[in-house]
N, C-alpha and C. Protein backbone atom coordinates (compact mmCIF):
# COMPACT_ATOMS: atom_id res chain seq x y z
N UNK A 1 26.55 -2.83 60.74
CA UNK A 1 26.37 -4.23 60.42
C UNK A 1 25.75 -4.96 61.60
N UNK A 2 26.21 -4.68 62.80
CA UNK A 2 25.69 -5.32 63.99
C UNK A 2 24.22 -4.99 64.17
N UNK A 3 23.86 -3.73 63.91
CA UNK A 3 22.49 -3.29 64.05
C UNK A 3 21.60 -4.02 63.05
N UNK A 4 22.09 -4.21 61.81
CA UNK A 4 21.32 -4.94 60.81
C UNK A 4 21.12 -6.39 61.24
N UNK A 5 22.17 -6.96 61.81
CA UNK A 5 22.10 -8.34 62.26
C UNK A 5 21.08 -8.49 63.39
N UNK A 6 21.10 -7.57 64.32
CA UNK A 6 20.15 -7.60 65.44
C UNK A 6 18.74 -7.39 64.92
N UNK A 7 18.57 -6.46 63.97
CA UNK A 7 17.25 -6.22 63.40
C UNK A 7 16.74 -7.48 62.70
N UNK A 8 17.64 -8.16 62.01
CA UNK A 8 17.26 -9.41 61.34
C UNK A 8 16.84 -10.46 62.36
N UNK A 9 17.59 -10.56 63.43
CA UNK A 9 17.27 -11.53 64.48
C UNK A 9 15.93 -11.18 65.11
N UNK A 10 15.71 -9.90 65.39
CA UNK A 10 14.43 -9.49 65.96
C UNK A 10 13.29 -9.81 65.01
N UNK A 11 13.49 -9.58 63.71
CA UNK A 11 12.47 -9.89 62.72
C UNK A 11 12.16 -11.38 62.74
N UNK A 12 13.20 -12.17 62.76
CA UNK A 12 13.03 -13.62 62.79
C UNK A 12 12.30 -14.03 64.06
N UNK A 13 12.72 -13.45 65.18
CA UNK A 13 12.09 -13.79 66.45
C UNK A 13 10.62 -13.41 66.44
N UNK A 14 10.31 -12.23 65.93
CA UNK A 14 8.92 -11.80 65.88
C UNK A 14 8.12 -12.66 64.91
N UNK A 15 8.71 -13.01 63.77
CA UNK A 15 8.05 -13.88 62.81
C UNK A 15 7.78 -15.25 63.42
N UNK A 16 8.76 -15.75 64.15
CA UNK A 16 8.60 -17.04 64.81
C UNK A 16 7.50 -16.98 65.86
N UNK A 17 7.39 -15.86 66.52
CA UNK A 17 6.37 -15.70 67.55
C UNK A 17 4.98 -15.78 66.94
N UNK A 18 4.82 -15.20 65.76
CA UNK A 18 3.53 -15.24 65.10
C UNK A 18 3.16 -16.65 64.68
N UNK A 19 4.14 -17.41 64.23
CA UNK A 19 3.85 -18.76 63.74
C UNK A 19 3.91 -19.81 64.84
N UNK A 20 4.67 -19.58 65.87
CA UNK A 20 4.80 -20.56 66.95
C UNK A 20 4.90 -19.84 68.28
N UNK A 21 3.78 -19.62 68.89
CA UNK A 21 3.76 -18.91 70.17
C UNK A 21 4.63 -19.63 71.20
N UNK A 22 5.28 -18.85 72.07
CA UNK A 22 6.05 -19.43 73.15
C UNK A 22 7.49 -19.76 72.81
N UNK A 23 8.02 -19.29 71.68
CA UNK A 23 9.40 -19.61 71.34
C UNK A 23 10.35 -18.48 71.71
N UNK A 24 9.80 -17.31 72.07
CA UNK A 24 10.63 -16.15 72.40
C UNK A 24 10.32 -15.69 73.82
N UNK A 25 11.38 -15.43 74.56
CA UNK A 25 11.24 -14.88 75.91
C UNK A 25 12.20 -13.70 76.02
N UNK A 26 12.10 -12.96 77.10
CA UNK A 26 13.03 -11.85 77.32
C UNK A 26 13.41 -11.79 78.79
N UNK A 27 14.56 -11.17 79.04
CA UNK A 27 15.03 -11.00 80.41
C UNK A 27 15.98 -9.81 80.44
N UNK A 28 16.03 -9.13 81.55
CA UNK A 28 16.96 -8.02 81.74
C UNK A 28 18.23 -8.62 82.34
N UNK A 29 19.25 -8.81 81.51
CA UNK A 29 20.48 -9.45 81.97
C UNK A 29 21.22 -8.61 83.01
N UNK A 30 21.13 -7.28 82.89
CA UNK A 30 21.77 -6.43 83.91
C UNK A 30 21.18 -6.72 85.28
N UNK A 31 19.87 -6.87 85.33
CA UNK A 31 19.20 -7.17 86.59
C UNK A 31 19.61 -8.54 87.12
N UNK A 32 19.75 -9.51 86.23
CA UNK A 32 20.20 -10.85 86.63
C UNK A 32 21.59 -10.76 87.25
N UNK A 33 22.50 -10.08 86.55
CA UNK A 33 23.88 -9.96 87.03
C UNK A 33 23.93 -9.23 88.36
N UNK A 34 23.15 -8.16 88.49
CA UNK A 34 23.12 -7.40 89.75
C UNK A 34 22.49 -8.20 90.89
N UNK A 35 21.67 -9.20 90.55
CA UNK A 35 21.02 -10.02 91.57
C UNK A 35 21.91 -11.17 92.06
N UNK A 36 22.94 -11.47 91.29
CA UNK A 36 23.80 -12.60 91.62
C UNK A 36 24.81 -12.21 92.70
N UNK A 37 25.07 -13.12 93.65
CA UNK A 37 26.10 -12.84 94.66
C UNK A 37 27.47 -12.55 94.03
N UNK A 38 27.80 -13.25 92.95
CA UNK A 38 29.08 -13.00 92.26
C UNK A 38 29.13 -11.57 91.72
N UNK A 39 27.99 -11.05 91.28
CA UNK A 39 27.92 -9.67 90.79
C UNK A 39 28.21 -8.68 91.90
N UNK A 40 27.65 -8.94 93.08
CA UNK A 40 27.89 -8.07 94.23
C UNK A 40 29.35 -8.13 94.66
N UNK A 41 29.95 -9.32 94.60
CA UNK A 41 31.36 -9.47 94.96
C UNK A 41 32.25 -8.72 93.97
N UNK A 42 31.92 -8.81 92.69
CA UNK A 42 32.70 -8.10 91.66
C UNK A 42 32.57 -6.59 91.87
N UNK A 43 31.36 -6.14 92.17
CA UNK A 43 31.14 -4.71 92.44
C UNK A 43 31.97 -4.24 93.63
N UNK A 44 31.97 -5.02 94.70
CA UNK A 44 32.71 -4.65 95.91
C UNK A 44 34.21 -4.58 95.62
N UNK A 45 34.73 -5.55 94.89
CA UNK A 45 36.16 -5.57 94.55
C UNK A 45 36.51 -4.36 93.69
N UNK A 46 35.68 -4.06 92.72
CA UNK A 46 35.92 -2.92 91.84
C UNK A 46 35.88 -1.61 92.63
N UNK A 47 34.94 -1.50 93.55
CA UNK A 47 34.86 -0.28 94.38
C UNK A 47 36.08 -0.13 95.28
N UNK A 48 36.56 -1.23 95.85
CA UNK A 48 37.78 -1.17 96.68
C UNK A 48 38.97 -0.68 95.86
N UNK A 49 39.12 -1.23 94.67
CA UNK A 49 40.21 -0.83 93.80
C UNK A 49 40.08 0.64 93.40
N UNK A 50 38.89 1.05 93.06
CA UNK A 50 38.65 2.44 92.66
C UNK A 50 38.98 3.40 93.81
N UNK A 51 38.59 3.06 95.02
CA UNK A 51 38.90 3.91 96.17
C UNK A 51 40.40 3.98 96.43
N UNK A 52 41.10 2.87 96.27
CA UNK A 52 42.55 2.88 96.47
C UNK A 52 43.23 3.77 95.43
N UNK A 53 42.83 3.63 94.19
CA UNK A 53 43.38 4.50 93.14
C UNK A 53 43.07 5.96 93.43
N UNK A 54 41.85 6.21 93.87
CA UNK A 54 41.43 7.59 94.13
C UNK A 54 42.26 8.20 95.26
N UNK A 55 42.51 7.42 96.31
CA UNK A 55 43.33 7.93 97.43
C UNK A 55 44.73 8.29 96.94
N UNK A 56 45.33 7.40 96.17
CA UNK A 56 46.68 7.65 95.65
C UNK A 56 46.70 8.89 94.75
N UNK A 57 45.70 9.01 93.90
CA UNK A 57 45.64 10.15 92.99
C UNK A 57 45.45 11.45 93.77
N UNK A 58 44.58 11.44 94.77
CA UNK A 58 44.35 12.64 95.58
C UNK A 58 45.61 13.07 96.32
N UNK A 59 46.40 12.11 96.79
CA UNK A 59 47.66 12.42 97.45
C UNK A 59 48.60 13.13 96.47
N UNK A 60 48.72 12.59 95.28
CA UNK A 60 49.57 13.22 94.26
C UNK A 60 49.06 14.60 93.89
N UNK A 61 47.76 14.75 93.81
CA UNK A 61 47.18 16.05 93.44
C UNK A 61 47.43 17.08 94.54
N UNK A 62 47.32 16.65 95.80
CA UNK A 62 47.59 17.58 96.91
C UNK A 62 49.04 18.03 96.89
N UNK A 63 49.96 17.12 96.57
CA UNK A 63 51.38 17.48 96.45
C UNK A 63 51.57 18.51 95.33
N UNK A 64 50.89 18.30 94.23
CA UNK A 64 50.96 19.25 93.12
C UNK A 64 50.43 20.62 93.56
N UNK A 65 49.29 20.62 94.25
CA UNK A 65 48.72 21.89 94.71
C UNK A 65 49.67 22.63 95.64
N UNK A 66 50.32 21.90 96.53
CA UNK A 66 51.27 22.51 97.46
C UNK A 66 52.43 23.15 96.68
N UNK A 67 52.93 22.44 95.68
CA UNK A 67 54.01 23.00 94.87
C UNK A 67 53.54 24.22 94.09
N UNK A 68 52.32 24.18 93.62
CA UNK A 68 51.77 25.31 92.87
C UNK A 68 51.65 26.55 93.75
N UNK A 69 51.12 26.35 94.97
CA UNK A 69 50.98 27.47 95.91
C UNK A 69 52.35 28.04 96.27
N UNK A 70 53.31 27.16 96.50
CA UNK A 70 54.67 27.60 96.82
C UNK A 70 55.25 28.40 95.65
N UNK A 71 55.04 27.91 94.43
CA UNK A 71 55.52 28.62 93.24
C UNK A 71 54.88 30.01 93.17
N UNK A 72 53.60 30.08 93.36
CA UNK A 72 52.91 31.38 93.28
C UNK A 72 53.42 32.35 94.34
N UNK A 73 53.65 31.83 95.54
CA UNK A 73 54.13 32.68 96.63
C UNK A 73 55.54 33.20 96.37
N UNK A 74 56.39 32.38 95.77
CA UNK A 74 57.80 32.74 95.58
C UNK A 74 58.09 33.34 94.20
N UNK A 75 57.13 33.33 93.29
CA UNK A 75 57.37 33.74 91.90
C UNK A 75 57.92 35.16 91.79
N UNK A 76 57.42 36.06 92.60
CA UNK A 76 57.87 37.46 92.49
C UNK A 76 59.32 37.65 92.97
N UNK A 77 59.85 36.74 93.76
CA UNK A 77 61.21 36.85 94.30
C UNK A 77 62.25 36.07 93.48
N UNK A 78 61.81 35.35 92.45
CA UNK A 78 62.72 34.51 91.69
C UNK A 78 63.06 35.14 90.34
N UNK A 79 64.16 34.68 89.79
CA UNK A 79 64.59 35.18 88.48
C UNK A 79 63.64 34.63 87.40
N UNK A 80 63.60 35.28 86.26
CA UNK A 80 62.74 34.78 85.17
C UNK A 80 63.09 33.35 84.75
N UNK A 81 64.39 33.02 84.77
CA UNK A 81 64.80 31.67 84.40
C UNK A 81 64.27 30.64 85.41
N UNK A 82 64.37 30.98 86.69
CA UNK A 82 63.87 30.07 87.74
C UNK A 82 62.35 29.94 87.65
N UNK A 83 61.65 31.04 87.38
CA UNK A 83 60.19 31.00 87.22
C UNK A 83 59.80 30.11 86.04
N UNK A 84 60.56 30.25 84.95
CA UNK A 84 60.29 29.45 83.76
C UNK A 84 60.50 27.97 84.06
N UNK A 85 61.57 27.65 84.80
CA UNK A 85 61.86 26.26 85.15
C UNK A 85 60.77 25.68 86.04
N UNK A 86 60.34 26.43 87.05
CA UNK A 86 59.29 25.95 87.95
C UNK A 86 57.96 25.78 87.21
N UNK A 87 57.66 26.73 86.33
CA UNK A 87 56.43 26.63 85.56
C UNK A 87 56.47 25.38 84.69
N UNK A 88 57.60 25.11 84.09
CA UNK A 88 57.78 23.92 83.27
C UNK A 88 57.62 22.65 84.12
N UNK A 89 58.17 22.67 85.32
CA UNK A 89 58.04 21.53 86.24
C UNK A 89 56.58 21.27 86.60
N UNK A 90 55.85 22.36 86.86
CA UNK A 90 54.44 22.22 87.21
C UNK A 90 53.63 21.69 86.02
N UNK A 91 53.94 22.14 84.83
CA UNK A 91 53.24 21.65 83.64
C UNK A 91 53.51 20.16 83.43
N UNK A 92 54.72 19.73 83.71
CA UNK A 92 55.06 18.32 83.61
C UNK A 92 54.24 17.50 84.62
N UNK A 93 54.14 18.02 85.83
CA UNK A 93 53.35 17.33 86.86
C UNK A 93 51.88 17.26 86.43
N UNK A 94 51.36 18.35 85.86
CA UNK A 94 49.98 18.35 85.38
C UNK A 94 49.76 17.27 84.32
N UNK A 95 50.69 17.18 83.37
CA UNK A 95 50.58 16.15 82.32
C UNK A 95 50.65 14.75 82.94
N UNK A 96 51.54 14.59 83.90
CA UNK A 96 51.65 13.29 84.57
C UNK A 96 50.36 12.93 85.31
N UNK A 97 49.75 13.92 85.95
CA UNK A 97 48.49 13.67 86.65
C UNK A 97 47.39 13.27 85.66
N UNK A 98 47.34 13.96 84.53
CA UNK A 98 46.33 13.62 83.52
C UNK A 98 46.57 12.21 82.99
N UNK A 99 47.83 11.88 82.75
CA UNK A 99 48.16 10.53 82.27
C UNK A 99 47.82 9.48 83.32
N UNK A 100 48.09 9.80 84.57
CA UNK A 100 47.77 8.89 85.66
C UNK A 100 46.27 8.63 85.70
N UNK A 101 45.47 9.68 85.55
CA UNK A 101 44.01 9.52 85.56
C UNK A 101 43.55 8.64 84.41
N UNK A 102 44.15 8.82 83.24
CA UNK A 102 43.80 7.97 82.10
C UNK A 102 44.19 6.52 82.36
N UNK A 103 45.35 6.31 82.96
CA UNK A 103 45.79 4.95 83.29
C UNK A 103 44.86 4.30 84.31
N UNK A 104 44.43 5.09 85.28
CA UNK A 104 43.50 4.57 86.29
C UNK A 104 42.20 4.15 85.61
N UNK A 105 41.67 5.00 84.74
CA UNK A 105 40.42 4.68 84.04
C UNK A 105 40.58 3.40 83.21
N UNK A 106 41.72 3.27 82.53
CA UNK A 106 41.97 2.08 81.71
C UNK A 106 42.08 0.83 82.58
N UNK A 107 42.83 0.93 83.68
CA UNK A 107 42.99 -0.23 84.55
C UNK A 107 41.67 -0.64 85.19
N UNK A 108 40.84 0.35 85.56
CA UNK A 108 39.54 0.03 86.13
C UNK A 108 38.64 -0.66 85.09
N UNK A 109 38.69 -0.20 83.86
CA UNK A 109 37.89 -0.83 82.79
C UNK A 109 38.35 -2.27 82.56
N UNK A 110 39.67 -2.47 82.54
CA UNK A 110 40.20 -3.83 82.35
C UNK A 110 39.82 -4.74 83.51
N UNK A 111 39.91 -4.22 84.72
CA UNK A 111 39.56 -5.01 85.91
C UNK A 111 38.07 -5.32 85.91
N UNK A 112 37.26 -4.34 85.51
CA UNK A 112 35.81 -4.56 85.43
C UNK A 112 35.52 -5.71 84.46
N UNK A 113 36.15 -5.68 83.31
CA UNK A 113 35.94 -6.74 82.31
C UNK A 113 36.38 -8.09 82.87
N UNK A 114 37.52 -8.11 83.54
CA UNK A 114 38.04 -9.35 84.11
C UNK A 114 37.12 -9.89 85.21
N UNK A 115 36.62 -9.01 86.07
CA UNK A 115 35.76 -9.44 87.16
C UNK A 115 34.38 -9.87 86.69
N UNK A 116 33.85 -9.19 85.69
CA UNK A 116 32.47 -9.45 85.27
C UNK A 116 32.35 -10.53 84.20
N UNK A 117 33.43 -10.90 83.52
CA UNK A 117 33.34 -11.93 82.48
C UNK A 117 32.77 -13.25 83.03
N UNK A 118 33.28 -13.77 84.14
CA UNK A 118 32.71 -15.02 84.64
C UNK A 118 31.28 -14.85 85.16
N UNK A 119 30.97 -13.67 85.69
CA UNK A 119 29.62 -13.42 86.19
C UNK A 119 28.64 -13.41 85.02
N UNK A 120 29.03 -12.73 83.94
CA UNK A 120 28.17 -12.68 82.75
C UNK A 120 27.97 -14.08 82.17
N UNK A 121 29.05 -14.86 82.14
CA UNK A 121 28.94 -16.21 81.59
C UNK A 121 28.01 -17.07 82.44
N UNK A 122 28.13 -16.98 83.76
CA UNK A 122 27.25 -17.76 84.64
C UNK A 122 25.80 -17.34 84.46
N UNK A 123 25.58 -16.02 84.32
CA UNK A 123 24.22 -15.52 84.12
C UNK A 123 23.67 -16.05 82.79
N UNK A 124 24.48 -16.00 81.75
CA UNK A 124 24.04 -16.49 80.44
C UNK A 124 23.74 -17.99 80.50
N UNK A 125 24.62 -18.75 81.16
CA UNK A 125 24.40 -20.19 81.29
C UNK A 125 23.11 -20.48 82.04
N UNK A 126 22.85 -19.73 83.11
CA UNK A 126 21.64 -19.92 83.90
C UNK A 126 20.40 -19.62 83.08
N UNK A 127 20.41 -18.50 82.37
CA UNK A 127 19.26 -18.13 81.55
C UNK A 127 19.05 -19.15 80.43
N UNK A 128 20.13 -19.61 79.82
CA UNK A 128 20.03 -20.61 78.76
C UNK A 128 19.42 -21.90 79.30
N UNK A 129 19.85 -22.34 80.46
CA UNK A 129 19.33 -23.56 81.07
C UNK A 129 17.84 -23.43 81.36
N UNK A 130 17.46 -22.30 81.94
CA UNK A 130 16.04 -22.09 82.27
C UNK A 130 15.21 -22.01 81.00
N UNK A 131 15.73 -21.30 79.99
CA UNK A 131 15.01 -21.19 78.72
C UNK A 131 14.84 -22.56 78.07
N UNK A 132 15.89 -23.37 78.11
CA UNK A 132 15.81 -24.73 77.57
C UNK A 132 14.72 -25.54 78.30
N UNK A 133 14.73 -25.45 79.62
CA UNK A 133 13.76 -26.19 80.42
C UNK A 133 12.33 -25.76 80.12
N UNK A 134 12.15 -24.49 79.80
CA UNK A 134 10.81 -23.97 79.52
C UNK A 134 10.44 -24.05 78.03
N UNK A 135 11.39 -24.47 77.20
CA UNK A 135 11.10 -24.68 75.80
C UNK A 135 11.23 -23.44 74.91
N UNK A 136 11.92 -22.42 75.37
CA UNK A 136 12.11 -21.23 74.55
C UNK A 136 13.28 -21.42 73.60
N UNK A 137 13.11 -20.96 72.37
CA UNK A 137 14.18 -21.04 71.38
C UNK A 137 15.05 -19.79 71.39
N UNK A 138 14.47 -18.65 71.72
CA UNK A 138 15.19 -17.38 71.72
C UNK A 138 14.93 -16.66 73.04
N UNK A 139 15.97 -16.01 73.55
CA UNK A 139 15.82 -15.14 74.71
C UNK A 139 16.45 -13.81 74.35
N UNK A 140 15.65 -12.77 74.40
CA UNK A 140 16.12 -11.42 74.11
C UNK A 140 16.48 -10.71 75.41
N UNK A 141 17.56 -9.98 75.39
CA UNK A 141 18.00 -9.21 76.55
C UNK A 141 17.28 -7.87 76.51
N UNK A 142 16.49 -7.60 77.52
CA UNK A 142 15.70 -6.37 77.55
C UNK A 142 16.43 -5.21 78.22
N UNK A 143 17.67 -5.43 78.65
CA UNK A 143 18.41 -4.32 79.24
C UNK A 143 18.87 -3.38 78.13
N UNK A 144 19.20 -2.17 78.51
CA UNK A 144 19.56 -1.12 77.56
C UNK A 144 20.74 -1.54 76.67
N UNK A 145 20.65 -1.24 75.38
CA UNK A 145 21.72 -1.49 74.40
C UNK A 145 22.15 -2.96 74.33
N UNK A 146 21.18 -3.86 74.39
CA UNK A 146 21.52 -5.28 74.37
C UNK A 146 20.79 -5.98 73.24
N UNK A 147 20.99 -7.26 73.14
CA UNK A 147 20.39 -8.02 72.06
C UNK A 147 20.03 -9.41 72.50
N UNK A 148 20.45 -10.37 71.73
CA UNK A 148 20.08 -11.75 71.93
C UNK A 148 20.98 -12.41 72.97
N UNK A 149 20.38 -13.17 73.87
CA UNK A 149 21.14 -13.92 74.87
C UNK A 149 21.42 -15.33 74.35
N UNK A 150 20.40 -15.94 73.76
CA UNK A 150 20.58 -17.29 73.22
C UNK A 150 19.68 -17.49 72.02
N UNK A 151 20.08 -18.35 71.12
CA UNK A 151 19.26 -18.69 69.96
C UNK A 151 19.47 -20.15 69.61
N UNK A 152 18.39 -20.89 69.55
CA UNK A 152 18.48 -22.29 69.16
C UNK A 152 17.60 -22.57 67.96
N UNK A 153 16.91 -21.54 67.49
CA UNK A 153 16.04 -21.70 66.33
C UNK A 153 16.85 -21.65 65.05
N UNK A 154 16.14 -21.67 63.93
CA UNK A 154 16.80 -21.67 62.62
C UNK A 154 17.39 -20.29 62.36
N UNK A 155 18.64 -20.28 61.94
CA UNK A 155 19.33 -19.05 61.54
C UNK A 155 19.12 -18.89 60.04
N UNK A 156 18.52 -17.78 59.66
CA UNK A 156 18.22 -17.52 58.25
C UNK A 156 19.38 -16.88 57.50
N UNK A 157 20.48 -16.60 58.17
CA UNK A 157 21.59 -15.91 57.53
C UNK A 157 22.12 -16.64 56.28
N UNK A 158 22.29 -17.96 56.30
CA UNK A 158 22.77 -18.62 55.08
C UNK A 158 21.83 -18.38 53.88
N UNK A 159 20.51 -18.44 54.11
CA UNK A 159 19.56 -18.19 53.02
C UNK A 159 19.61 -16.75 52.55
N UNK A 160 19.77 -15.81 53.49
CA UNK A 160 19.86 -14.39 53.13
C UNK A 160 21.13 -14.16 52.31
N UNK A 161 22.25 -14.72 52.72
CA UNK A 161 23.49 -14.58 51.97
C UNK A 161 23.37 -15.17 50.57
N UNK A 162 22.70 -16.31 50.49
CA UNK A 162 22.50 -16.97 49.18
C UNK A 162 21.64 -16.08 48.28
N UNK A 163 20.59 -15.48 48.85
CA UNK A 163 19.71 -14.59 48.08
C UNK A 163 20.46 -13.33 47.63
N UNK A 164 21.43 -12.91 48.42
CA UNK A 164 22.23 -11.73 48.07
C UNK A 164 23.39 -12.09 47.14
N UNK A 165 23.56 -13.36 46.89
CA UNK A 165 24.64 -13.79 46.02
C UNK A 165 25.99 -13.79 46.71
N UNK A 166 26.01 -13.90 48.04
CA UNK A 166 27.26 -13.87 48.79
C UNK A 166 27.82 -15.26 49.05
N UNK A 167 27.10 -16.28 48.69
CA UNK A 167 27.60 -17.66 48.88
C UNK A 167 27.88 -18.33 47.58
């Protein structure tokens, strides 16, 4: 559905361009965000957090490795029950490490969203202001997997819905 909506917007934008030159512009929003000081600050904060998580995870992993080596060294001298218990303990630690890695990834994604939301909004506001000043009705985001940044022209969706009998 989103792809159809974007295709419709692109069609409208291209149609508008044919009938009224100068109403459509484009910009790479990723480049804008990366050029902003706030973007660099968000990147630095995210990298600091990622490094801290990585250090903690590596410490836990080294502890696991030490226990694993100790288990392997002592396995031949222990009873089958003790070997089974240690193996079970190591498997639990492995699962915990995997879960920890997933939690780290989730927390980093959440922090990234939190840090970049105001940066993205400032970038969008800046582009909208400049586009308004230059008289553009539409600004398309030329960065990968993106779409429309702003639209002030006529939205044809109500007419399309009416033609489809959805209104």
